[in-house]
Amino acid sequence: MPDPMQRFVDIHAAMPDKRAADDRQQDFGEIYAAYTLETAVAQSSRCEQCGIPYCQVHCPLQNNIPDWLRLATEGRLEEAYAISQATNTFPEICGRICPQDRLCEGSCVLEQSRHTSVTIGAIEKYITDTAWDQGWVKGPTPRAEKNVSVGIIGAGPGGLAAADRLRQQGYEVHVYDRYDRAGGLLIYGIPNFKLDKDVVRRRTQLLSDSGVIFHSNFEVGRDATLVDLRNQHAAVLIATGVYKARELETPGSGLTGIHPAMDYLIASNRKGLGDNVPVFEDGTLNAAGKNVVVIGGGDTAMDCVRTAVRQGARSVKCLYRRDRANMPGSLREVSNAEEEGVEFVWLAAPEAFLGDAHVTGVRAHRIRLGAPDSTGRQTPEVIGDSSFALDADIVIKALGFDPEDLPALFNESALPVTRWGTIAIDPRTRMTAMPGVFAAGDIVRGASLVVWAIKDGRDAADAIHAYVESGNIQEQEDAAALAAAS
């Protein structure tokens, strides 16, 4: 029987059908259709089954991508899902929002040999959505209950991944979150056109049905201190993410109409969820009929510009200080935004916001890229006498995120942080200098990708399990304290 794989010469890469730009501008529905079984099988069969699977090597979760591609090609979708789920808590989410062009697909040997990479993300989405439709997706089912509880602060991707893994091991898991719905960034930060909220809700409902206990509208420091939670549980995991917007210190920053990206996205997502959102209803965070300027070049900036288009903005411009090739965001998202009418103003940076009380424009200057810095990226340099102005009724700052002051928020000065404000942990045990208190995700590594948060949450769950099961708990706590002190 001939090998069904390595058909990249005969079969060209094909993404699922994409809705026309003028159609998708009208709503927040996901823009890609689903593969048919025949198309999913055909696209999977393009895989080369490399001896060194670079797609897997460059996936933060080390997903066994060639294995489930082969199983999909053979029509063994339930087995393909089982292999995918074994390393990834939320494959249907990663299949939708991971920047595959910078990770697995960007590392595919076919991409390097100009045959165009295997459409890994779209196939992953198809396999998992099929698994949900067929009832193959099961919640974490422990073989035996441990009668030991673990508390998790944060119901974002890192906290949920840890909850899933700990519940599977038989722990009583309590998840505490400041918002009224579980999901964190997946619910409130990422727009529906990339990730439909029902996709998230069915996962959190599955966790709830499997025994994970969610405490919504719960703020550590207000409803309980960190020490209170530590006394209630055998261990506590901090997985809050990072939400503090980076500021832009330029003249006019205090004008009304200038907003952090997360405030804008949360308002839009809450509106889509059916909530009463006064700052949307009164037009403060509604782009309808307005000139919008978004400052930044990452995936959050792309979420903002594409949201503004769907809200009916008069014009949407993205101001970024580097060029297209040096954008940190997904190039696929840039292309989608351009198709939807977003104008990119490359090699430009704001020097002042214009207006009396409310912003009316952004004065910017042109940029050239100079010599590379220590990271290898070219350094932006201002070109003299190059100022120009852009009309703006709303300005959205998508400049990245920093950690909040958790020691102050949690009312716990002993919680150790680094000079960047992230939580300091022992990289081996994942524990802070506070005995039994662990941390994972963006609050440790800084603002990063959802897939890294899932990886960190799973690793932290394993570290907590080792901590609870070990007979040398005191030794681990002493080691963590020593590492933090050094």
Protein backbone atom coordinates (compact mmCIF):
# COMPACT_ATOMS: atom_id res chain seq x y z
CA MET A 1 0.00 0.00 0.00
CA PRO A 2 1.56 3.35 -1.00
CA ASP A 3 2.34 5.89 1.70
CA PRO A 4 -0.52 8.43 1.81
CA MET A 5 1.84 11.17 3.00
CA GLN A 6 4.32 13.50 1.26
CA ARG A 7 1.85 14.64 -1.37
CA PHE A 8 3.02 18.25 -1.29
CA VAL A 9 4.07 18.08 -4.95
CA ASP A 10 0.61 17.04 -6.15
CA ILE A 11 -1.53 18.98 -3.66
CA HIS A 12 -1.14 22.72 -3.14
CA ALA A 13 -1.60 24.32 0.27
CA ALA A 14 -5.10 25.65 0.76
CA MET A 15 -6.53 27.45 3.79
CA PRO A 16 -10.24 27.05 4.53
CA ASP A 17 -12.49 29.38 2.57
CA LYS A 18 -12.43 32.90 3.93
CA ARG A 19 -15.44 35.19 3.95
CA ALA A 20 -15.18 38.18 1.63
CA ALA A 21 -13.87 41.32 3.32
CA ASP A 22 -17.02 43.38 2.69
CA ASP A 23 -19.09 40.59 4.25
CA ARG A 24 -17.00 40.07 7.36
CA GLN A 25 -16.78 43.81 8.03
CA GLN A 26 -20.47 43.66 8.93
CA ASP A 27 -20.26 41.33 11.94
CA PHE A 28 -17.97 39.69 14.48
CA GLY A 29 -18.34 36.13 13.20
CA GLU A 30 -15.23 34.00 12.62
CA ILE A 31 -13.86 34.69 9.16
CA TYR A 32 -12.75 31.19 8.14
CA ALA A 33 -15.12 28.39 7.17
CA ALA A 34 -14.44 24.81 8.25
CA TYR A 35 -12.58 22.29 6.12
CA THR A 36 -14.54 19.42 4.69
CA LEU A 37 -13.28 15.97 5.63
CA GLU A 38 -11.87 15.51 2.14
CA THR A 39 -9.98 18.81 2.26
CA ALA A 40 -8.63 18.15 5.76
CA VAL A 41 -7.38 14.74 4.68
CA ALA A 42 -5.79 16.17 1.54
CA GLN A 43 -4.07 19.01 3.38
CA SER A 44 -2.80 16.65 6.07
CA SER A 45 -1.33 14.38 3.40
CA ARG A 46 1.05 17.16 2.33
CA CYS A 47 3.17 16.56 5.45
CA GLU A 48 6.68 15.28 4.73
CA GLN A 49 6.89 13.30 7.99
CA CYS A 50 10.35 14.79 8.55
CA GLY A 51 12.98 12.91 10.52
CA ILE A 52 13.42 16.09 12.57
CA PRO A 53 9.94 17.64 12.82
CA TYR A 54 10.75 21.32 13.05
CA CYS A 55 7.04 22.12 13.38
CA GLN A 56 7.03 20.19 16.65
CA VAL A 57 10.38 21.57 17.79
CA HIS A 58 9.14 25.15 17.41
CA CYS A 59 5.78 24.55 19.08
CA PRO A 60 5.90 25.68 22.73
CA LEU A 61 3.80 22.64 23.67
CA GLN A 62 5.92 20.24 21.60
CA ASN A 63 2.72 18.97 19.97
CA ASN A 64 3.13 15.69 18.10
CA ILE A 65 2.07 17.36 14.86
CA PRO A 66 3.37 14.80 12.31
CA ASP A 67 1.64 12.00 14.23
CA TRP A 68 -1.81 13.55 14.22
CA LEU A 69 -1.41 14.71 10.61
CA ARG A 70 -0.77 11.09 9.57
CA LEU A 71 -3.75 9.88 11.60
CA ALA A 72 -5.96 12.54 10.01
CA THR A 73 -4.78 11.48 6.55
CA GLU A 74 -5.83 7.92 7.37
CA GLY A 75 -9.24 9.13 8.54
CA ARG A 76 -8.52 8.19 12.17
CA LEU A 77 -9.75 11.48 13.55
CA GLU A 78 -10.62 10.31 17.05
CA GLU A 79 -7.07 9.02 17.48
CA ALA A 80 -5.72 12.23 15.95
CA TYR A 81 -7.66 14.22 18.54
CA ALA A 82 -6.37 12.02 21.37
CA ILE A 83 -2.76 12.65 20.28
CA SER A 84 -3.40 16.40 19.97
CA GLN A 85 -5.17 16.64 23.33
CA ALA A 86 -2.38 14.73 25.07
CA THR A 87 -0.03 17.72 24.83
CA ASN A 88 -2.44 20.63 24.37
CA THR A 89 -5.26 21.41 26.78
CA PHE A 90 -7.07 23.62 24.25
CA PRO A 91 -6.20 22.56 20.67
CA GLU A 92 -9.35 24.12 19.19
CA ILE A 93 -8.29 27.48 20.66
CA CYS A 94 -4.66 27.26 19.53
CA GLY A 95 -5.84 26.20 16.07
CA ARG A 96 -7.72 29.49 15.85
CA ILE A 97 -5.46 32.08 17.49
CA CYS A 98 -1.87 30.82 17.52
CA PRO A 99 0.41 32.78 15.17
CA GLN A 100 1.26 29.61 13.25
CA ASP A 101 3.19 31.63 10.68
CA ARG A 102 5.71 32.43 13.43
CA LEU A 103 5.70 28.98 15.09
CA CYS A 104 4.85 25.57 13.62
CA GLU A 105 3.93 26.57 10.07
CA GLY A 106 6.76 29.07 9.84
CA SER A 107 9.18 26.28 10.73
CA CYS A 108 7.70 23.69 8.36
CA VAL A 109 10.31 22.29 5.95
CA LEU A 110 7.87 22.83 3.08
CA GLU A 111 7.77 26.55 3.90
CA GLN A 112 11.56 26.67 3.76
CA SER A 113 11.62 24.79 0.44
CA ARG A 114 9.00 27.10 -1.11
CA HIS A 115 6.27 24.49 -1.35
CA THR A 116 4.21 26.41 1.28
CA SER A 117 3.79 24.95 4.74
CA VAL A 118 1.19 22.45 5.83
CA THR A 119 -1.89 24.30 7.13
CA ILE A 120 -1.34 22.94 10.64
CA GLY A 121 -3.57 25.35 12.54
CA ALA A 122 -6.60 24.89 10.30
CA ILE A 123 -6.25 21.09 10.46
CA GLU A 124 -5.89 21.22 14.26
CA LYS A 125 -9.10 23.27 14.43
CA TYR A 126 -10.92 20.81 12.16
CA ILE A 127 -9.84 17.76 14.16
CA THR A 128 -10.90 19.25 17.48
CA ASP A 129 -14.18 20.75 16.27
CA THR A 130 -15.00 17.32 14.83
CA ALA A 131 -14.14 15.78 18.20
CA TRP A 132 -16.63 18.11 19.91
CA ASP A 133 -19.31 17.36 17.33
CA GLN A 134 -18.81 13.62 17.75
CA GLY A 135 -18.73 13.68 21.54
CA TRP A 136 -15.10 12.53 21.81
CA VAL A 137 -14.06 15.43 24.07
CA LYS A 138 -14.15 14.44 27.72
CA GLY A 139 -13.39 16.45 30.81
CA PRO A 140 -10.59 15.54 33.21
CA THR A 141 -11.58 12.34 35.00
CA PRO A 142 -9.34 11.37 37.92
CA ARG A 143 -8.82 7.71 38.75
CA ALA A 144 -9.12 8.56 42.44
CA GLU A 145 -9.81 11.68 44.49
CA LYS A 146 -6.90 12.95 46.61
CA ASN A 147 -8.93 15.00 49.11
CA VAL A 148 -6.32 17.71 48.68
CA SER A 149 -7.25 21.15 47.36
CA VAL A 150 -5.29 23.58 45.20
CA GLY A 151 -6.20 27.23 44.61
CA ILE A 152 -5.57 28.95 41.29
CA ILE A 153 -5.69 32.73 40.96
CA GLY A 154 -6.68 33.60 37.41
CA ALA A 155 -9.08 31.89 35.01
CA GLY A 156 -7.14 32.67 31.85
CA PRO A 157 -5.47 30.09 29.61
CA GLY A 158 -2.62 29.37 32.04
CA GLY A 159 -4.86 28.95 35.05
CA LEU A 160 -7.38 26.82 33.14
CA ALA A 161 -4.65 24.58 31.73
CA ALA A 162 -3.33 24.02 35.25
CA ALA A 163 -6.85 23.39 36.57
CA ASP A 164 -7.47 20.74 33.92
CA ARG A 165 -4.24 18.91 34.67
CA LEU A 166 -4.61 19.07 38.46
CA ARG A 167 -8.21 17.89 38.32
CA GLN A 168 -7.09 14.98 36.17
CA GLN A 169 -4.73 14.02 38.98
CA GLY A 170 -7.57 14.01 41.50
CA TYR A 171 -7.15 17.38 43.22
CA GLU A 172 -10.03 19.55 44.37
CA VAL A 173 -9.38 22.64 42.28
CA HIS A 174 -10.68 26.13 43.11
CA VAL A 175 -10.20 28.87 40.50
CA TYR A 176 -10.50 32.48 41.66
CA ASP A 177 -10.97 35.25 39.10
CA ARG A 178 -11.78 38.96 39.22
CA TYR A 179 -14.15 38.78 36.23
CA ASP A 180 -17.68 37.43 36.05
CA ARG A 181 -16.81 34.77 33.46
CA ALA A 182 -13.97 32.28 33.25
CA GLY A 183 -11.59 32.57 30.33
CA GLY A 184 -9.65 35.76 31.00
CA LEU A 185 -8.03 37.05 27.83
CA LEU A 186 -9.82 34.38 25.78
CA ILE A 187 -13.20 35.89 26.69
CA TYR A 188 -12.50 39.57 27.21
CA GLY A 189 -9.39 40.32 25.15
CA ILE A 190 -9.65 38.37 21.89
CA PRO A 191 -12.47 39.37 19.50
CA ASN A 192 -15.08 36.92 18.25
CA PHE A 193 -13.88 37.08 14.67
CA LYS A 194 -10.76 35.22 15.82
CA LEU A 195 -12.23 33.16 18.66
CA ASP A 196 -15.96 32.67 19.09
CA LYS A 197 -16.83 32.83 22.76
CA ASP A 198 -18.84 29.60 22.63
CA VAL A 199 -15.57 27.80 21.89
CA VAL A 200 -14.21 29.02 25.23
CA ARG A 201 -17.42 28.55 27.19
CA ARG A 202 -17.80 24.91 26.25
CA ARG A 203 -14.30 24.24 27.65
CA THR A 204 -14.89 26.08 30.91
CA GLN A 205 -18.27 24.35 31.25
CA LEU A 206 -16.53 21.01 30.74
CA LEU A 207 -14.09 21.86 33.54
CA SER A 208 -16.96 22.90 35.80
CA ASP A 209 -18.86 19.70 35.03
CA SER A 210 -15.68 17.76 35.88
CA GLY A 211 -15.51 19.25 39.36
CA VAL A 212 -13.42 22.41 39.00
CA ILE A 213 -14.94 25.05 41.30
CA PHE A 214 -14.99 28.60 39.92
CA HIS A 215 -15.18 31.68 42.17
CA SER A 216 -16.11 34.62 39.94
CA ASN A 217 -15.93 38.32 40.82
CA PHE A 218 -13.30 37.37 43.38
CA GLU A 219 -10.41 39.77 43.97
CA VAL A 220 -7.44 38.62 45.97
CA GLY A 221 -6.64 41.42 48.39
CA ARG A 222 -10.30 42.41 48.65
CA ASP A 223 -12.20 39.15 49.23
CA ALA A 224 -9.24 37.29 50.73
CA THR A 225 -5.51 37.84 51.05
CA LEU A 226 -2.95 35.60 49.41
CA VAL A 227 -2.10 34.18 52.84
CA ASP A 228 -5.79 33.41 53.42
CA LEU A 229 -5.90 31.35 50.25
CA ARG A 230 -2.62 29.65 51.06
CA ASN A 231 -4.02 28.58 54.42
CA GLN A 232 -7.08 27.10 52.70
CA HIS A 233 -5.19 25.04 50.14
CA ALA A 234 -2.22 22.70 49.95
CA ALA A 235 -0.78 24.97 47.26
CA VAL A 236 -1.72 28.14 45.38
CA LEU A 237 -0.90 28.99 41.77
CA ILE A 238 -0.80 32.61 40.63
CA ALA A 239 -1.73 32.81 36.94
CA THR A 240 -3.13 36.32 36.61
CA GLY A 241 -1.48 37.32 33.36
CA VAL A 242 -0.37 40.90 32.75
CA TYR A 243 -2.91 43.63 32.06
CA LYS A 244 -1.26 46.95 32.95
CA ALA A 245 -1.07 49.03 29.79
CA ARG A 246 2.27 50.57 28.86
CA GLU A 247 2.10 54.33 28.74
CA LEU A 248 3.16 56.69 26.00
CA GLU A 249 4.71 59.83 27.45
CA THR A 250 3.98 62.42 24.78
CA PRO A 251 2.41 65.88 24.88
CA GLY A 252 -1.37 65.67 24.94
CA SER A 253 -1.49 62.24 26.60
CA GLY A 254 -4.08 63.53 29.06
CA LEU A 255 -6.68 64.38 26.41
CA THR A 256 -9.94 62.47 26.49
CA GLY A 257 -10.47 59.98 23.68
CA ILE A 258 -7.10 58.23 24.23
CA HIS A 259 -7.61 54.72 25.57
CA PRO A 260 -5.62 51.60 26.45
CA ALA A 261 -6.21 48.71 24.05
CA MET A 262 -7.57 46.35 26.70
CA ASP A 263 -10.22 48.82 27.85
CA TYR A 264 -11.39 49.11 24.24
CA LEU A 265 -11.42 45.36 23.59
CA ILE A 266 -13.12 44.49 26.88
CA ALA A 267 -15.91 46.97 26.15
CA SER A 268 -16.43 45.53 22.67
CA ASN A 269 -16.37 41.92 23.87
CA ARG A 270 -18.74 42.65 26.74
CA LYS A 271 -21.14 44.27 24.29
CA GLY A 272 -20.96 41.15 22.14
CA LEU A 273 -21.68 39.01 25.19
CA GLY A 274 -24.89 40.97 25.81
CA ASP A 275 -23.68 42.98 28.80
CA ASN A 276 -24.73 46.53 29.58
CA VAL A 277 -21.64 48.58 28.71
CA PRO A 278 -22.22 52.29 29.42
CA VAL A 279 -18.87 53.40 27.97
CA PHE A 280 -19.83 51.72 24.71
CA GLU A 281 -23.38 53.01 24.64
CA ASP A 282 -22.33 56.62 25.23
CA GLY A 283 -19.76 56.40 22.42
CA THR A 284 -16.65 56.61 24.59
CA LEU A 285 -15.37 53.21 23.47
CA ASN A 286 -17.41 52.84 20.30
CA ALA A 287 -15.67 53.63 17.01
CA ALA A 288 -18.83 54.04 14.94
CA GLY A 289 -18.48 56.96 12.52
CA LYS A 290 -15.13 58.03 13.92
CA ASN A 291 -11.54 58.34 12.75
CA VAL A 292 -9.52 55.77 14.67
CA VAL A 293 -5.75 55.65 15.11
CA VAL A 294 -4.22 52.57 16.75
CA ILE A 295 -0.62 52.81 17.92
CA GLY A 296 1.34 49.56 17.96
CA GLY A 297 2.24 46.59 15.79
CA GLY A 298 1.42 43.44 17.73
CA ASP A 299 -1.53 41.08 17.68
CA THR A 300 -3.42 43.30 20.14
CA ALA A 301 -3.14 46.21 17.71
CA MET A 302 -4.53 43.97 14.95
CA ASP A 303 -7.46 43.03 17.21
CA CYS A 304 -8.15 46.73 17.79
CA VAL A 305 -8.05 47.88 14.17
CA ARG A 306 -10.23 44.99 13.00
CA THR A 307 -12.71 45.63 15.82
CA ALA A 308 -12.93 49.30 14.84
CA VAL A 309 -13.73 48.33 11.25
CA ARG A 310 -16.63 46.16 12.46
CA GLN A 311 -17.94 48.93 14.69
CA GLY A 312 -18.35 51.12 11.61
CA ALA A 313 -15.41 53.51 11.95
CA ARG A 314 -15.07 56.20 9.31
CA SER A 315 -11.35 55.44 8.95
CA VAL A 316 -8.90 53.14 10.71
CA LYS A 317 -5.16 53.68 10.68
CA CYS A 318 -2.42 51.69 12.39
CA LEU A 319 0.68 53.69 13.29
CA TYR A 320 3.82 51.58 13.74
CA ARG A 321 7.42 52.68 14.15
CA ARG A 322 8.93 49.79 12.17
CA ASP A 323 8.09 48.31 8.78
CA ARG A 324 5.91 45.37 7.81
CA ALA A 325 8.79 42.88 7.89
CA ASN A 326 9.62 43.83 11.49
CA MET A 327 6.11 43.69 12.95
CA PRO A 328 5.83 41.48 16.04
CA GLY A 329 2.28 40.50 15.16
CA SER A 330 1.09 37.76 12.81
CA LEU A 331 1.49 38.67 9.15
CA ARG A 332 -1.69 36.74 8.43
CA GLU A 333 -3.54 39.14 10.71
CA VAL A 334 -1.96 42.12 8.95
CA SER A 335 -3.18 40.80 5.60
CA ASN A 336 -6.69 40.26 6.99
CA ALA A 337 -6.71 43.81 8.34
CA GLU A 338 -5.57 45.28 5.02
CA GLU A 339 -8.30 43.37 3.19
CA GLU A 340 -10.84 44.87 5.59
CA GLY A 341 -9.75 48.43 4.83
CA VAL A 342 -7.22 49.22 7.56
CA GLU A 343 -4.50 51.64 6.47
CA PHE A 344 -1.02 50.94 7.86
CA VAL A 345 1.27 53.90 8.39
CA TRP A 346 4.66 52.21 8.53
CA LEU A 347 7.87 53.71 9.91
CA ALA A 348 6.06 56.39 11.89
CA ALA A 349 5.74 57.19 15.58
CA PRO A 350 3.61 59.68 17.54
CA GLU A 351 5.23 62.83 18.87
CA ALA A 352 2.11 64.56 20.21
CA PHE A 353 -1.65 64.26 20.51
CA LEU A 354 -3.61 67.22 19.18
CA GLY A 355 -6.75 68.84 20.60
CA ASP A 356 -7.97 71.06 23.40
CA ALA A 357 -9.94 68.80 25.75
CA HIS A 358 -10.67 65.86 23.43
CA VAL A 359 -8.17 64.38 21.00
CA THR A 360 -8.60 65.54 17.38
CA GLY A 361 -5.44 64.18 15.84
CA VAL A 362 -2.02 62.62 16.18
CA ARG A 363 1.13 64.41 15.11
CA ALA A 364 3.75 61.86 14.09
CA HIS A 365 7.22 61.84 12.64
CA ARG A 366 8.82 59.54 10.12
CA ILE A 367 11.24 56.84 11.22
CA ARG A 368 14.16 55.09 9.60
CA LEU A 369 15.66 51.84 10.86
CA GLY A 370 19.25 52.18 11.98
CA ALA A 371 21.85 49.73 13.25
CA PRO A 372 20.67 46.56 15.02
CA ASP A 373 20.46 46.65 18.82
CA SER A 374 21.52 43.88 21.23
CA THR A 375 18.52 41.77 20.19
CA GLY A 376 19.36 42.02 16.50
CA ARG A 377 16.43 44.29 15.65
CA GLN A 378 17.15 47.55 13.86
CA THR A 379 16.79 50.59 16.08
CA PRO A 380 14.12 53.16 15.07
CA GLU A 381 15.59 56.63 14.47
CA VAL A 382 13.56 59.81 14.02
CA ILE A 383 13.94 61.60 10.69
CA GLY A 384 14.26 65.34 11.29
CA ASP A 385 11.59 67.74 9.99
CA SER A 386 9.32 64.87 8.97
CA SER A 387 6.21 65.64 11.03
CA PHE A 388 2.72 65.00 9.69
CA ALA A 389 -0.75 64.80 11.22
CA LEU A 390 -3.50 62.20 11.24
CA ASP A 391 -7.12 62.97 12.11
CA ALA A 392 -8.31 61.05 15.17
CA ASP A 393 -11.49 60.99 17.20
CA ILE A 394 -10.32 57.93 19.13
CA VAL A 395 -6.70 56.88 19.76
CA ILE A 396 -6.01 53.38 21.03
CA LYS A 397 -2.66 52.57 22.61
CA ALA A 398 -1.64 48.97 21.89
CA LEU A 399 1.91 49.19 23.17
CA GLY A 400 2.06 46.01 25.20
CA PHE A 401 1.41 45.10 28.82
CA ASP A 402 3.31 45.10 32.08
CA PRO A 403 2.55 43.30 35.36
CA GLU A 404 0.31 44.91 37.91
CA ASP A 405 1.73 45.48 41.39
CA LEU A 406 0.63 42.14 42.78
CA PRO A 407 2.25 42.50 46.23
CA ALA A 408 0.10 45.59 46.74
CA LEU A 409 -3.04 44.17 45.09
CA PHE A 410 -2.80 40.91 47.06
CA ASN A 411 -1.90 42.70 50.28
CA GLU A 412 1.21 40.53 50.56
CA SER A 413 4.55 42.32 50.68
CA ALA A 414 6.43 39.01 50.96
CA LEU A 415 5.48 38.02 47.41
CA PRO A 416 8.79 38.25 45.50
CA VAL A 417 8.96 40.11 42.20
CA THR A 418 11.72 40.76 39.69
CA ARG A 419 12.93 44.21 38.64
CA TRP A 420 10.39 44.02 35.80
CA GLY A 421 7.54 43.43 38.23
CA THR A 422 6.99 39.81 37.22
CA ILE A 423 6.81 37.18 39.96
CA ALA A 424 10.13 35.58 40.83
CA ILE A 425 10.10 31.78 40.94
CA ASP A 426 12.56 28.93 41.14
CA PRO A 427 12.64 27.76 37.49
CA ARG A 428 13.00 24.15 38.59
CA THR A 429 10.16 23.94 41.12
CA ARG A 430 8.01 26.83 39.77
CA MET A 431 7.59 27.96 43.39
CA THR A 432 8.07 31.45 44.77
CA ALA A 433 9.92 32.17 48.00
CA MET A 434 6.55 31.84 49.74
CA PRO A 435 6.19 28.15 50.63
CA GLY A 436 3.51 26.45 48.57
CA VAL A 437 2.85 29.49 46.37
CA PHE A 438 3.60 28.92 42.66
CA ALA A 439 3.31 31.14 39.61
CA ALA A 440 3.02 30.58 35.87
CA GLY A 441 2.27 32.27 32.56
CA ASP A 442 2.68 35.91 31.62
CA ILE A 443 2.97 36.99 35.25
CA VAL A 444 6.29 35.11 35.26
CA ARG A 445 7.58 35.40 31.68
CA GLY A 446 6.04 38.75 30.74
CA ALA A 447 3.43 39.39 28.05
CA SER A 448 3.50 36.48 25.62
CA LEU A 449 1.34 34.09 23.61
CA VAL A 450 -1.66 32.04 24.77
CA VAL A 451 0.17 28.86 23.78
CA TRP A 452 3.02 29.71 26.17
CA ALA A 453 0.52 30.32 28.97
CA ILE A 454 -0.95 26.86 28.36
CA LYS A 455 2.53 25.34 28.44
CA ASP A 456 3.42 27.16 31.67
CA GLY A 457 0.13 26.23 33.32
CA ARG A 458 0.62 22.54 32.55
CA ASP A 459 4.20 22.64 33.81
CA ALA A 460 3.15 24.43 37.00
CA ALA A 461 0.45 21.83 37.64
CA ASP A 462 3.06 19.08 37.40
CA ALA A 463 5.32 21.02 39.78
CA ILE A 464 2.48 21.43 42.28
CA HIS A 465 1.72 17.72 42.07
CA ALA A 466 5.40 16.90 42.72
CA TYR A 467 5.41 19.33 45.66
CA VAL A 468 2.33 17.80 47.27
CA GLU A 469 3.40 14.21 46.64
CA SER A 470 7.01 14.65 47.68
CA GLY A 471 8.18 13.64 51.13
CA ASN A 472 10.75 16.45 50.97
CA ILE A 473 8.44 19.44 50.93
CA GLN A 474 10.53 21.41 53.40
CA GLU A 475 13.62 20.83 51.28
CA GLN A 476 11.83 22.22 48.21
CA GLU A 477 10.60 25.25 50.12
CA ASP A 478 14.09 26.00 51.42
CA ALA A 479 15.53 25.67 47.92
CA ALA A 480 12.92 28.06 46.52
CA ALA A 481 13.61 30.61 49.24
CA LEU A 482 17.36 30.38 48.63
CA ALA A 483 16.92 30.80 44.85
CA ALA A 484 14.68 33.84 45.32
CA ALA A 485 17.12 35.42 47.77
CA SER A 486 19.99 35.02 45.32
